[in-house]
């Protein structure tokens, strides 16, 4: 996608998906 802007992101977080639809 040479015409589109690319934004690079880095998350610093302790998080997990325990099950579908549930995040801790």
PDBML (XML) file of the C-alpha atoms, coordinates in Angstrom:
<?xml version="1.0" encoding="UTF-8" ?>
<PDBx:datablock datablockName="MODEL"
   xmlns:PDBx="http://pdbml.pdb.org/schema/pdbx-v50.xsd"
   xmlns:xsi="http://www.w3.org/2001/XMLSchema-instance"
   xsi:schemaLocation="http://pdbml.pdb.org/schema/pdbx-v50.xsd pdbx-v50.xsd">
   <PDBx:atom_siteCategory>
      <PDBx:atom_site id="1">
         <PDBx:B_iso_or_equiv>0.00</PDBx:B_iso_or_equiv>
         <PDBx:Cartn_x>0.000</PDBx:Cartn_x>
         <PDBx:Cartn_y>0.000</PDBx:Cartn_y>
         <PDBx:Cartn_z>0.000</PDBx:Cartn_z>
         <PDBx:auth_asym_id>A</PDBx:auth_asym_id>
         <PDBx:auth_atom_id>CA</PDBx:auth_atom_id>
         <PDBx:auth_comp_id>UNK</PDBx:auth_comp_id>
         <PDBx:auth_seq_id>1</PDBx:auth_seq_id>
         <PDBx:group_PDB>ATOM</PDBx:group_PDB>
         <PDBx:label_alt_id xsi:nil="true" />
         <PDBx:label_asym_id>A</PDBx:label_asym_id>
         <PDBx:label_atom_id>CA</PDBx:label_atom_id>
         <PDBx:label_comp_id>UNK</PDBx:label_comp_id>
         <PDBx:label_entity_id>1</PDBx:label_entity_id>
         <PDBx:label_seq_id>1</PDBx:label_seq_id>
         <PDBx:occupancy>1.00</PDBx:occupancy>
         <PDBx:pdbx_PDB_model_num>1</PDBx:pdbx_PDB_model_num>
         <PDBx:type_symbol>C</PDBx:type_symbol>
      </PDBx:atom_site>
      <PDBx:atom_site id="2">
         <PDBx:B_iso_or_equiv>0.00</PDBx:B_iso_or_equiv>
         <PDBx:Cartn_x>2.559</PDBx:Cartn_x>
         <PDBx:Cartn_y>2.593</PDBx:Cartn_y>
         <PDBx:Cartn_z>-1.132</PDBx:Cartn_z>
         <PDBx:auth_asym_id>A</PDBx:auth_asym_id>
         <PDBx:auth_atom_id>CA</PDBx:auth_atom_id>
         <PDBx:auth_comp_id>UNK</PDBx:auth_comp_id>
         <PDBx:auth_seq_id>2</PDBx:auth_seq_id>
         <PDBx:group_PDB>ATOM</PDBx:group_PDB>
         <PDBx:label_alt_id xsi:nil="true" />
         <PDBx:label_asym_id>A</PDBx:label_asym_id>
         <PDBx:label_atom_id>CA</PDBx:label_atom_id>
         <PDBx:label_comp_id>UNK</PDBx:label_comp_id>
         <PDBx:label_entity_id>1</PDBx:label_entity_id>
         <PDBx:label_seq_id>2</PDBx:label_seq_id>
         <PDBx:occupancy>1.00</PDBx:occupancy>
         <PDBx:pdbx_PDB_model_num>1</PDBx:pdbx_PDB_model_num>
         <PDBx:type_symbol>C</PDBx:type_symbol>
      </PDBx:atom_site>
      <PDBx:atom_site id="3">
         <PDBx:B_iso_or_equiv>0.00</PDBx:B_iso_or_equiv>
         <PDBx:Cartn_x>-0.051</PDBx:Cartn_x>
         <PDBx:Cartn_y>5.375</PDBx:Cartn_y>
         <PDBx:Cartn_z>-1.259</PDBx:Cartn_z>
         <PDBx:auth_asym_id>A</PDBx:auth_asym_id>
         <PDBx:auth_atom_id>CA</PDBx:auth_atom_id>
         <PDBx:auth_comp_id>UNK</PDBx:auth_comp_id>
         <PDBx:auth_seq_id>3</PDBx:auth_seq_id>
         <PDBx:group_PDB>ATOM</PDBx:group_PDB>
         <PDBx:label_alt_id xsi:nil="true" />
         <PDBx:label_asym_id>A</PDBx:label_asym_id>
         <PDBx:label_atom_id>CA</PDBx:label_atom_id>
         <PDBx:label_comp_id>UNK</PDBx:label_comp_id>
         <PDBx:label_entity_id>1</PDBx:label_entity_id>
         <PDBx:label_seq_id>3</PDBx:label_seq_id>
         <PDBx:occupancy>1.00</PDBx:occupancy>
         <PDBx:pdbx_PDB_model_num>1</PDBx:pdbx_PDB_model_num>
         <PDBx:type_symbol>C</PDBx:type_symbol>
      </PDBx:atom_site>
      <PDBx:atom_site id="4">
         <PDBx:B_iso_or_equiv>0.00</PDBx:B_iso_or_equiv>
         <PDBx:Cartn_x>-1.318</PDBx:Cartn_x>
         <PDBx:Cartn_y>4.794</PDBx:Cartn_y>
         <PDBx:Cartn_z>2.282</PDBx:Cartn_z>
         <PDBx:auth_asym_id>A</PDBx:auth_asym_id>
         <PDBx:auth_atom_id>CA</PDBx:auth_atom_id>
         <PDBx:auth_comp_id>UNK</PDBx:auth_comp_id>
         <PDBx:auth_seq_id>4</PDBx:auth_seq_id>
         <PDBx:group_PDB>ATOM</PDBx:group_PDB>
         <PDBx:label_alt_id xsi:nil="true" />
         <PDBx:label_asym_id>A</PDBx:label_asym_id>
         <PDBx:label_atom_id>CA</PDBx:label_atom_id>
         <PDBx:label_comp_id>UNK</PDBx:label_comp_id>
         <PDBx:label_entity_id>1</PDBx:label_entity_id>
         <PDBx:label_seq_id>4</PDBx:label_seq_id>
         <PDBx:occupancy>1.00</PDBx:occupancy>
         <PDBx:pdbx_PDB_model_num>1</PDBx:pdbx_PDB_model_num>
         <PDBx:type_symbol>C</PDBx:type_symbol>
      </PDBx:atom_site>
      <PDBx:atom_site id="5">
         <PDBx:B_iso_or_equiv>0.00</PDBx:B_iso_or_equiv>
         <PDBx:Cartn_x>0.265</PDBx:Cartn_x>
         <PDBx:Cartn_y>5.967</PDBx:Cartn_y>
         <PDBx:Cartn_z>5.475</PDBx:Cartn_z>
         <PDBx:auth_asym_id>A</PDBx:auth_asym_id>
         <PDBx:auth_atom_id>CA</PDBx:auth_atom_id>
         <PDBx:auth_comp_id>UNK</PDBx:auth_comp_id>
         <PDBx:auth_seq_id>5</PDBx:auth_seq_id>
         <PDBx:group_PDB>ATOM</PDBx:group_PDB>
         <PDBx:label_alt_id xsi:nil="true" />
         <PDBx:label_asym_id>A</PDBx:label_asym_id>
         <PDBx:label_atom_id>CA</PDBx:label_atom_id>
         <PDBx:label_comp_id>UNK</PDBx:label_comp_id>
         <PDBx:label_entity_id>1</PDBx:label_entity_id>
         <PDBx:label_seq_id>5</PDBx:label_seq_id>
         <PDBx:occupancy>1.00</PDBx:occupancy>
         <PDBx:pdbx_PDB_model_num>1</PDBx:pdbx_PDB_model_num>
         <PDBx:type_symbol>C</PDBx:type_symbol>
      </PDBx:atom_site>
      <PDBx:atom_site id="6">
         <PDBx:B_iso_or_equiv>0.00</PDBx:B_iso_or_equiv>
         <PDBx:Cartn_x>1.726</PDBx:Cartn_x>
         <PDBx:Cartn_y>3.279</PDBx:Cartn_y>
         <PDBx:Cartn_z>7.732</PDBx:Cartn_z>
         <PDBx:auth_asym_id>A</PDBx:auth_asym_id>
         <PDBx:auth_atom_id>CA</PDBx:auth_atom_id>
         <PDBx:auth_comp_id>UNK</PDBx:auth_comp_id>
         <PDBx:auth_seq_id>6</PDBx:auth_seq_id>
         <PDBx:group_PDB>ATOM</PDBx:group_PDB>
         <PDBx:label_alt_id xsi:nil="true" />
         <PDBx:label_asym_id>A</PDBx:label_asym_id>
         <PDBx:label_atom_id>CA</PDBx:label_atom_id>
         <PDBx:label_comp_id>UNK</PDBx:label_comp_id>
         <PDBx:label_entity_id>1</PDBx:label_entity_id>
         <PDBx:label_seq_id>6</PDBx:label_seq_id>
         <PDBx:occupancy>1.00</PDBx:occupancy>
         <PDBx:pdbx_PDB_model_num>1</PDBx:pdbx_PDB_model_num>
         <PDBx:type_symbol>C</PDBx:type_symbol>
      </PDBx:atom_site>
      <PDBx:atom_site id="7">
         <PDBx:B_iso_or_equiv>0.00</PDBx:B_iso_or_equiv>
         <PDBx:Cartn_x>1.756</PDBx:Cartn_x>
         <PDBx:Cartn_y>3.947</PDBx:Cartn_y>
         <PDBx:Cartn_z>11.482</PDBx:Cartn_z>
         <PDBx:auth_asym_id>A</PDBx:auth_asym_id>
         <PDBx:auth_atom_id>CA</PDBx:auth_atom_id>
         <PDBx:auth_comp_id>UNK</PDBx:auth_comp_id>
         <PDBx:auth_seq_id>7</PDBx:auth_seq_id>
         <PDBx:group_PDB>ATOM</PDBx:group_PDB>
         <PDBx:label_alt_id xsi:nil="true" />
         <PDBx:label_asym_id>A</PDBx:label_asym_id>
         <PDBx:label_atom_id>CA</PDBx:label_atom_id>
         <PDBx:label_comp_id>UNK</PDBx:label_comp_id>
         <PDBx:label_entity_id>1</PDBx:label_entity_id>
         <PDBx:label_seq_id>7</PDBx:label_seq_id>
         <PDBx:occupancy>1.00</PDBx:occupancy>
         <PDBx:pdbx_PDB_model_num>1</PDBx:pdbx_PDB_model_num>
         <PDBx:type_symbol>C</PDBx:type_symbol>
      </PDBx:atom_site>
      <PDBx:atom_site id="8">
         <PDBx:B_iso_or_equiv>0.00</PDBx:B_iso_or_equiv>
         <PDBx:Cartn_x>3.812</PDBx:Cartn_x>
         <PDBx:Cartn_y>1.589</PDBx:Cartn_y>
         <PDBx:Cartn_z>13.614</PDBx:Cartn_z>
         <PDBx:auth_asym_id>A</PDBx:auth_asym_id>
         <PDBx:auth_atom_id>CA</PDBx:auth_atom_id>
         <PDBx:auth_comp_id>UNK</PDBx:auth_comp_id>
         <PDBx:auth_seq_id>8</PDBx:auth_seq_id>
         <PDBx:group_PDB>ATOM</PDBx:group_PDB>
         <PDBx:label_alt_id xsi:nil="true" />
         <PDBx:label_asym_id>A</PDBx:label_asym_id>
         <PDBx:label_atom_id>CA</PDBx:label_atom_id>
         <PDBx:label_comp_id>UNK</PDBx:label_comp_id>
         <PDBx:label_entity_id>1</PDBx:label_entity_id>
         <PDBx:label_seq_id>8</PDBx:label_seq_id>
         <PDBx:occupancy>1.00</PDBx:occupancy>
         <PDBx:pdbx_PDB_model_num>1</PDBx:pdbx_PDB_model_num>
         <PDBx:type_symbol>C</PDBx:type_symbol>
      </PDBx:atom_site>
      <PDBx:atom_site id="9">
         <PDBx:B_iso_or_equiv>0.00</PDBx:B_iso_or_equiv>
         <PDBx:Cartn_x>2.637</PDBx:Cartn_x>
         <PDBx:Cartn_y>1.031</PDBx:Cartn_y>
         <PDBx:Cartn_z>17.188</PDBx:Cartn_z>
         <PDBx:auth_asym_id>A</PDBx:auth_asym_id>
         <PDBx:auth_atom_id>CA</PDBx:auth_atom_id>
         <PDBx:auth_comp_id>UNK</PDBx:auth_comp_id>
         <PDBx:auth_seq_id>9</PDBx:auth_seq_id>
         <PDBx:group_PDB>ATOM</PDBx:group_PDB>
         <PDBx:label_alt_id xsi:nil="true" />
         <PDBx:label_asym_id>A</PDBx:label_asym_id>
         <PDBx:label_atom_id>CA</PDBx:label_atom_id>
         <PDBx:label_comp_id>UNK</PDBx:label_comp_id>
         <PDBx:label_entity_id>1</PDBx:label_entity_id>
         <PDBx:label_seq_id>9</PDBx:label_seq_id>
         <PDBx:occupancy>1.00</PDBx:occupancy>
         <PDBx:pdbx_PDB_model_num>1</PDBx:pdbx_PDB_model_num>
         <PDBx:type_symbol>C</PDBx:type_symbol>
      </PDBx:atom_site>
      <PDBx:atom_site id="10">
         <PDBx:B_iso_or_equiv>0.00</PDBx:B_iso_or_equiv>
         <PDBx:Cartn_x>4.146</PDBx:Cartn_x>
         <PDBx:Cartn_y>-0.721</PDBx:Cartn_y>
         <PDBx:Cartn_z>20.187</PDBx:Cartn_z>
         <PDBx:auth_asym_id>A</PDBx:auth_asym_id>
         <PDBx:auth_atom_id>CA</PDBx:auth_atom_id>
         <PDBx:auth_comp_id>UNK</PDBx:auth_comp_id>
         <PDBx:auth_seq_id>10</PDBx:auth_seq_id>
         <PDBx:group_PDB>ATOM</PDBx:group_PDB>
         <PDBx:label_alt_id xsi:nil="true" />
         <PDBx:label_asym_id>A</PDBx:label_asym_id>
         <PDBx:label_atom_id>CA</PDBx:label_atom_id>
         <PDBx:label_comp_id>UNK</PDBx:label_comp_id>
         <PDBx:label_entity_id>1</PDBx:label_entity_id>
         <PDBx:label_seq_id>10</PDBx:label_seq_id>
         <PDBx:occupancy>1.00</PDBx:occupancy>
         <PDBx:pdbx_PDB_model_num>1</PDBx:pdbx_PDB_model_num>
         <PDBx:type_symbol>C</PDBx:type_symbol>
      </PDBx:atom_site>
      <PDBx:atom_site id="11">
         <PDBx:B_iso_or_equiv>0.00</PDBx:B_iso_or_equiv>
         <PDBx:Cartn_x>2.082</PDBx:Cartn_x>
         <PDBx:Cartn_y>-1.688</PDBx:Cartn_y>
         <PDBx:Cartn_z>23.204</PDBx:Cartn_z>
         <PDBx:auth_asym_id>A</PDBx:auth_asym_id>
         <PDBx:auth_atom_id>CA</PDBx:auth_atom_id>
         <PDBx:auth_comp_id>UNK</PDBx:auth_comp_id>
         <PDBx:auth_seq_id>11</PDBx:auth_seq_id>
         <PDBx:group_PDB>ATOM</PDBx:group_PDB>
         <PDBx:label_alt_id xsi:nil="true" />
         <PDBx:label_asym_id>A</PDBx:label_asym_id>
         <PDBx:label_atom_id>CA</PDBx:label_atom_id>
         <PDBx:label_comp_id>UNK</PDBx:label_comp_id>
         <PDBx:label_entity_id>1</PDBx:label_entity_id>
         <PDBx:label_seq_id>11</PDBx:label_seq_id>
         <PDBx:occupancy>1.00</PDBx:occupancy>
         <PDBx:pdbx_PDB_model_num>1</PDBx:pdbx_PDB_model_num>
         <PDBx:type_symbol>C</PDBx:type_symbol>
      </PDBx:atom_site>
      <PDBx:atom_site id="12">
         <PDBx:B_iso_or_equiv>0.00</PDBx:B_iso_or_equiv>
         <PDBx:Cartn_x>3.556</PDBx:Cartn_x>
         <PDBx:Cartn_y>-1.814</PDBx:Cartn_y>
         <PDBx:Cartn_z>26.716</PDBx:Cartn_z>
         <PDBx:auth_asym_id>A</PDBx:auth_asym_id>
         <PDBx:auth_atom_id>CA</PDBx:auth_atom_id>
         <PDBx:auth_comp_id>UNK</PDBx:auth_comp_id>
         <PDBx:auth_seq_id>12</PDBx:auth_seq_id>
         <PDBx:group_PDB>ATOM</PDBx:group_PDB>
         <PDBx:label_alt_id xsi:nil="true" />
         <PDBx:label_asym_id>A</PDBx:label_asym_id>
         <PDBx:label_atom_id>CA</PDBx:label_atom_id>
         <PDBx:label_comp_id>UNK</PDBx:label_comp_id>
         <PDBx:label_entity_id>1</PDBx:label_entity_id>
         <PDBx:label_seq_id>12</PDBx:label_seq_id>
         <PDBx:occupancy>1.00</PDBx:occupancy>
         <PDBx:pdbx_PDB_model_num>1</PDBx:pdbx_PDB_model_num>
         <PDBx:type_symbol>C</PDBx:type_symbol>
      </PDBx:atom_site>
      <PDBx:atom_site id="13">
         <PDBx:B_iso_or_equiv>0.00</PDBx:B_iso_or_equiv>
         <PDBx:Cartn_x>0.897</PDBx:Cartn_x>
         <PDBx:Cartn_y>-3.684</PDBx:Cartn_y>
         <PDBx:Cartn_z>28.638</PDBx:Cartn_z>
         <PDBx:auth_asym_id>A</PDBx:auth_asym_id>
         <PDBx:auth_atom_id>CA</PDBx:auth_atom_id>
         <PDBx:auth_comp_id>UNK</PDBx:auth_comp_id>
         <PDBx:auth_seq_id>13</PDBx:auth_seq_id>
         <PDBx:group_PDB>ATOM</PDBx:group_PDB>
         <PDBx:label_alt_id xsi:nil="true" />
         <PDBx:label_asym_id>A</PDBx:label_asym_id>
         <PDBx:label_atom_id>CA</PDBx:label_atom_id>
         <PDBx:label_comp_id>UNK</PDBx:label_comp_id>
         <PDBx:label_entity_id>1</PDBx:label_entity_id>
         <PDBx:label_seq_id>13</PDBx:label_seq_id>
         <PDBx:occupancy>1.00</PDBx:occupancy>
         <PDBx:pdbx_PDB_model_num>1</PDBx:pdbx_PDB_model_num>
         <PDBx:type_symbol>C</PDBx:type_symbol>
      </PDBx:atom_site>
      <PDBx:atom_site id="14">
         <PDBx:B_iso_or_equiv>0.00</PDBx:B_iso_or_equiv>
         <PDBx:Cartn_x>0.341</PDBx:Cartn_x>
         <PDBx:Cartn_y>-6.819</PDBx:Cartn_y>
         <PDBx:Cartn_z>30.725</PDBx:Cartn_z>
         <PDBx:auth_asym_id>A</PDBx:auth_asym_id>
         <PDBx:auth_atom_id>CA</PDBx:auth_atom_id>
         <PDBx:auth_comp_id>UNK</PDBx:auth_comp_id>
         <PDBx:auth_seq_id>14</PDBx:auth_seq_id>
         <PDBx:group_PDB>ATOM</PDBx:group_PDB>
         <PDBx:label_alt_id xsi:nil="true" />
         <PDBx:label_asym_id>A</PDBx:label_asym_id>
         <PDBx:label_atom_id>CA</PDBx:label_atom_id>
         <PDBx:label_comp_id>UNK</PDBx:label_comp_id>
         <PDBx:label_entity_id>1</PDBx:label_entity_id>
         <PDBx:label_seq_id>14</PDBx:label_seq_id>
         <PDBx:occupancy>1.00</PDBx:occupancy>
         <PDBx:pdbx_PDB_model_num>1</PDBx:pdbx_PDB_model_num>
         <PDBx:type_symbol>C</PDBx:type_symbol>
      </PDBx:atom_site>
      <PDBx:atom_site id="15">
         <PDBx:B_iso_or_equiv>0.00</PDBx:B_iso_or_equiv>
         <PDBx:Cartn_x>-2.894</PDBx:Cartn_x>
         <PDBx:Cartn_y>-8.133</PDBx:Cartn_y>
         <PDBx:Cartn_z>29.283</PDBx:Cartn_z>
         <PDBx:auth_asym_id>A</PDBx:auth_asym_id>
         <PDBx:auth_atom_id>CA</PDBx:auth_atom_id>
         <PDBx:auth_comp_id>UNK</PDBx:auth_comp_id>
         <PDBx:auth_seq_id>15</PDBx:auth_seq_id>
         <PDBx:group_PDB>ATOM</PDBx:group_PDB>
         <PDBx:label_alt_id xsi:nil="true" />
         <PDBx:label_asym_id>A</PDBx:label_asym_id>
         <PDBx:label_atom_id>CA</PDBx:label_atom_id>
         <PDBx:label_comp_id>UNK</PDBx:label_comp_id>
         <PDBx:label_entity_id>1</PDBx:label_entity_id>
         <PDBx:label_seq_id>15</PDBx:label_seq_id>
         <PDBx:occupancy>1.00</PDBx:occupancy>
         <PDBx:pdbx_PDB_model_num>1</PDBx:pdbx_PDB_model_num>
         <PDBx:type_symbol>C</PDBx:type_symbol>
      </PDBx:atom_site>
      <PDBx:atom_site id="16">
         <PDBx:B_iso_or_equiv>0.00</PDBx:B_iso_or_equiv>
         <PDBx:Cartn_x>-4.292</PDBx:Cartn_x>
         <PDBx:Cartn_y>-11.487</PDBx:Cartn_y>
         <PDBx:Cartn_z>28.197</PDBx:Cartn_z>
         <PDBx:auth_asym_id>A</PDBx:auth_asym_id>
         <PDBx:auth_atom_id>CA</PDBx:auth_atom_id>
         <PDBx:auth_comp_id>UNK</PDBx:auth_comp_id>
         <PDBx:auth_seq_id>16</PDBx:auth_seq_id>
         <PDBx:group_PDB>ATOM</PDBx:group_PDB>
         <PDBx:label_alt_id xsi:nil="true" />
         <PDBx:label_asym_id>A</PDBx:label_asym_id>
         <PDBx:label_atom_id>CA</PDBx:label_atom_id>
         <PDBx:label_comp_id>UNK</PDBx:label_comp_id>
         <PDBx:label_entity_id>1</PDBx:label_entity_id>
         <PDBx:label_seq_id>16</PDBx:label_seq_id>
         <PDBx:occupancy>1.00</PDBx:occupancy>
         <PDBx:pdbx_PDB_model_num>1</PDBx:pdbx_PDB_model_num>
         <PDBx:type_symbol>C</PDBx:type_symbol>
      </PDBx:atom_site>
      <PDBx:atom_site id="17">
         <PDBx:B_iso_or_equiv>0.00</PDBx:B_iso_or_equiv>
         <PDBx:Cartn_x>-7.420</PDBx:Cartn_x>
         <PDBx:Cartn_y>-12.902</PDBx:Cartn_y>
         <PDBx:Cartn_z>26.633</PDBx:Cartn_z>
         <PDBx:auth_asym_id>A</PDBx:auth_asym_id>
         <PDBx:auth_atom_id>CA</PDBx:auth_atom_id>
         <PDBx:auth_comp_id>UNK</PDBx:auth_comp_id>
         <PDBx:auth_seq_id>17</PDBx:auth_seq_id>
         <PDBx:group_PDB>ATOM</PDBx:group_PDB>
         <PDBx:label_alt_id xsi:nil="true" />
         <PDBx:label_asym_id>A</PDBx:label_asym_id>
         <PDBx:label_atom_id>CA</PDBx:label_atom_id>
         <PDBx:label_comp_id>UNK</PDBx:label_comp_id>
         <PDBx:label_entity_id>1</PDBx:label_entity_id>
         <PDBx:label_seq_id>17</PDBx:label_seq_id>
         <PDBx:occupancy>1.00</PDBx:occupancy>
         <PDBx:pdbx_PDB_model_num>1</PDBx:pdbx_PDB_model_num>
         <PDBx:type_symbol>C</PDBx:type_symbol>
      </PDBx:atom_site>
      <PDBx:atom_site id="18">
         <PDBx:B_iso_or_equiv>0.00</PDBx:B_iso_or_equiv>
         <PDBx:Cartn_x>-8.726</PDBx:Cartn_x>
         <PDBx:Cartn_y>-15.493</PDBx:Cartn_y>
         <PDBx:Cartn_z>29.076</PDBx:Cartn_z>
         <PDBx:auth_asym_id>A</PDBx:auth_asym_id>
         <PDBx:auth_atom_id>CA</PDBx:auth_atom_id>
         <PDBx:auth_comp_id>UNK</PDBx:auth_comp_id>
         <PDBx:auth_seq_id>18</PDBx:auth_seq_id>
         <PDBx:group_PDB>ATOM</PDBx:group_PDB>
         <PDBx:label_alt_id xsi:nil="true" />
         <PDBx:label_asym_id>A</PDBx:label_asym_id>
         <PDBx:label_atom_id>CA</PDBx:label_atom_id>
         <PDBx:label_comp_id>UNK</PDBx:label_comp_id>
         <PDBx:label_entity_id>1</PDBx:label_entity_id>
         <PDBx:label_seq_id>18</PDBx:label_seq_id>
         <PDBx:occupancy>1.00</PDBx:occupancy>
         <PDBx:pdbx_PDB_model_num>1</PDBx:pdbx_PDB_model_num>
         <PDBx:type_symbol>C</PDBx:type_symbol>
      </PDBx:atom_site>
      <PDBx:atom_site id="19">
         <PDBx:B_iso_or_equiv>0.00</PDBx:B_iso_or_equiv>
         <PDBx:Cartn_x>-11.492</PDBx:Cartn_x>
         <PDBx:Cartn_y>-16.691</PDBx:Cartn_y>
         <PDBx:Cartn_z>26.763</PDBx:Cartn_z>
         <PDBx:auth_asym_id>A</PDBx:auth_asym_id>
         <PDBx:auth_atom_id>CA</PDBx:auth_atom_id>
         <PDBx:auth_comp_id>UNK</PDBx:auth_comp_id>
         <PDBx:auth_seq_id>19</PDBx:auth_seq_id>
         <PDBx:group_PDB>ATOM</PDBx:group_PDB>
         <PDBx:label_alt_id xsi:nil="true" />
         <PDBx:label_asym_id>A</PDBx:label_asym_id>
         <PDBx:label_atom_id>CA</PDBx:label_atom_id>
         <PDBx:label_comp_id>UNK</PDBx:label_comp_id>
         <PDBx:label_entity_id>1</PDBx:label_entity_id>
         <PDBx:label_seq_id>19</PDBx:label_seq_id>
         <PDBx:occupancy>1.00</PDBx:occupancy>
         <PDBx:pdbx_PDB_model_num>1</PDBx:pdbx_PDB_model_num>
         <PDBx:type_symbol>C</PDBx:type_symbol>
      </PDBx:atom_site>
      <PDBx:atom_site id="20">
         <PDBx:B_iso_or_equiv>0.00</PDBx:B_iso_or_equiv>
         <PDBx:Cartn_x>-13.473</PDBx:Cartn_x>
         <PDBx:Cartn_y>-15.427</PDBx:Cartn_y>
         <PDBx:Cartn_z>23.796</PDBx:Cartn_z>
         <PDBx:auth_asym_id>A</PDBx:auth_asym_id>
         <PDBx:auth_atom_id>CA</PDBx:auth_atom_id>
         <PDBx:auth_comp_id>UNK</PDBx:auth_comp_id>
         <PDBx:auth_seq_id>20</PDBx:auth_seq_id>
         <PDBx:group_PDB>ATOM</PDBx:group_PDB>
         <PDBx:label_alt_id xsi:nil="true" />
         <PDBx:label_asym_id>A</PDBx:label_asym_id>
         <PDBx:label_atom_id>CA</PDBx:label_atom_id>
         <PDBx:label_comp_id>UNK</PDBx:label_comp_id>
         <PDBx:label_entity_id>1</PDBx:label_entity_id>
         <PDBx:label_seq_id>20</PDBx:label_seq_id>
         <PDBx:occupancy>1.00</PDBx:occupancy>
         <PDBx:pdbx_PDB_model_num>1</PDBx:pdbx_PDB_model_num>
         <PDBx:type_symbol>C</PDBx:type_symbol>
      </PDBx:atom_site>
      <PDBx:atom_site id="21">
         <PDBx:B_iso_or_equiv>0.00</PDBx:B_iso_or_equiv>
         <PDBx:Cartn_x>-14.975</PDBx:Cartn_x>
         <PDBx:Cartn_y>-12.110</PDBx:Cartn_y>
         <PDBx:Cartn_z>24.833</PDBx:Cartn_z>
         <PDBx:auth_asym_id>A</PDBx:auth_asym_id>
         <PDBx:auth_atom_id>CA</PDBx:auth_atom_id>
         <PDBx:auth_comp_id>UNK</PDBx:auth_comp_id>
         <PDBx:auth_seq_id>21</PDBx:auth_seq_id>
         <PDBx:group_PDB>ATOM</PDBx:group_PDB>
         <PDBx:label_alt_id xsi:nil="true" />
         <PDBx:label_asym_id>A</PDBx:label_asym_id>
         <PDBx:label_atom_id>CA</PDBx:label_atom_id>
         <PDBx:label_comp_id>UNK</PDBx:label_comp_id>
         <PDBx:label_entity_id>1</PDBx:label_entity_id>
         <PDBx:label_seq_id>21</PDBx:label_seq_id>
         <PDBx:occupancy>1.00</PDBx:occupancy>
         <PDBx:pdbx_PDB_model_num>1</PDBx:pdbx_PDB_model_num>
         <PDBx:type_symbol>C</PDBx:type_symbol>
      </PDBx:atom_site>
      <PDBx:atom_site id="22">
         <PDBx:B_iso_or_equiv>0.00</PDBx:B_iso_or_equiv>
         <PDBx:Cartn_x>-13.016</PDBx:Cartn_x>
         <PDBx:Cartn_y>-11.815</PDBx:Cartn_y>
         <PDBx:Cartn_z>28.102</PDBx:Cartn_z>
         <PDBx:auth_asym_id>A</PDBx:auth_asym_id>
         <PDBx:auth_atom_id>CA</PDBx:auth_atom_id>
         <PDBx:auth_comp_id>UNK</PDBx:auth_comp_id>
         <PDBx:auth_seq_id>22</PDBx:auth_seq_id>
         <PDBx:group_PDB>ATOM</PDBx:group_PDB>
         <PDBx:label_alt_id xsi:nil="true" />
         <PDBx:label_asym_id>A</PDBx:label_asym_id>
         <PDBx:label_atom_id>CA</PDBx:label_atom_id>
         <PDBx:label_comp_id>UNK</PDBx:label_comp_id>
         <PDBx:label_entity_id>1</PDBx:label_entity_id>
         <PDBx:label_seq_id>22</PDBx:label_seq_id>
         <PDBx:occupancy>1.00</PDBx:occupancy>
         <PDBx:pdbx_PDB_model_num>1</PDBx:pdbx_PDB_model_num>
         <PDBx:type_symbol>C</PDBx:type_symbol>
      </PDBx:atom_site>
      <PDBx:atom_site id="23">
         <PDBx:B_iso_or_equiv>0.00</PDBx:B_iso_or_equiv>
         <PDBx:Cartn_x>-9.776</PDBx:Cartn_x>
         <PDBx:Cartn_y>-9.851</PDBx:Cartn_y>
         <PDBx:Cartn_z>28.591</PDBx:Cartn_z>
         <PDBx:auth_asym_id>A</PDBx:auth_asym_id>
         <PDBx:auth_atom_id>CA</PDBx:auth_atom_id>
         <PDBx:auth_comp_id>UNK</PDBx:auth_comp_id>
         <PDBx:auth_seq_id>23</PDBx:auth_seq_id>
         <PDBx:group_PDB>ATOM</PDBx:group_PDB>
         <PDBx:label_alt_id xsi:nil="true" />
         <PDBx:label_asym_id>A</PDBx:label_asym_id>
         <PDBx:label_atom_id>CA</PDBx:label_atom_id>
         <PDBx:label_comp_id>UNK</PDBx:label_comp_id>
         <PDBx:label_entity_id>1</PDBx:label_entity_id>
         <PDBx:label_seq_id>23</PDBx:label_seq_id>
         <PDBx:occupancy>1.00</PDBx:occupancy>
         <PDBx:pdbx_PDB_model_num>1</PDBx:pdbx_PDB_model_num>
         <PDBx:type_symbol>C</PDBx:type_symbol>
      </PDBx:atom_site>
      <PDBx:atom_site id="24">
         <PDBx:B_iso_or_equiv>0.00</PDBx:B_iso_or_equiv>
         <PDBx:Cartn_x>-7.735</PDBx:Cartn_x>
         <PDBx:Cartn_y>-9.425</PDBx:Cartn_y>
         <PDBx:Cartn_z>31.765</PDBx:Cartn_z>
         <PDBx:auth_asym_id>A</PDBx:auth_asym_id>
         <PDBx:auth_atom_id>CA</PDBx:auth_atom_id>
         <PDBx:auth_comp_id>UNK</PDBx:auth_comp_id>
         <PDBx:auth_seq_id>24</PDBx:auth_seq_id>
         <PDBx:group_PDB>ATOM</PDBx:group_PDB>
         <PDBx:label_alt_id xsi:nil="true" />
         <PDBx:label_asym_id>A</PDBx:label_asym_id>
         <PDBx:label_atom_id>CA</PDBx:label_atom_id>
         <PDBx:label_comp_id>UNK</PDBx:label_comp_id>
         <PDBx:label_entity_id>1</PDBx:label_entity_id>
         <PDBx:label_seq_id>24</PDBx:label_seq_id>
         <PDBx:occupancy>1.00</PDBx:occupancy>
         <PDBx:pdbx_PDB_model_num>1</PDBx:pdbx_PDB_model_num>
         <PDBx:type_symbol>C</PDBx:type_symbol>
      </PDBx:atom_site>
   </PDBx:atom_siteCategory>
</PDBx:datablock>
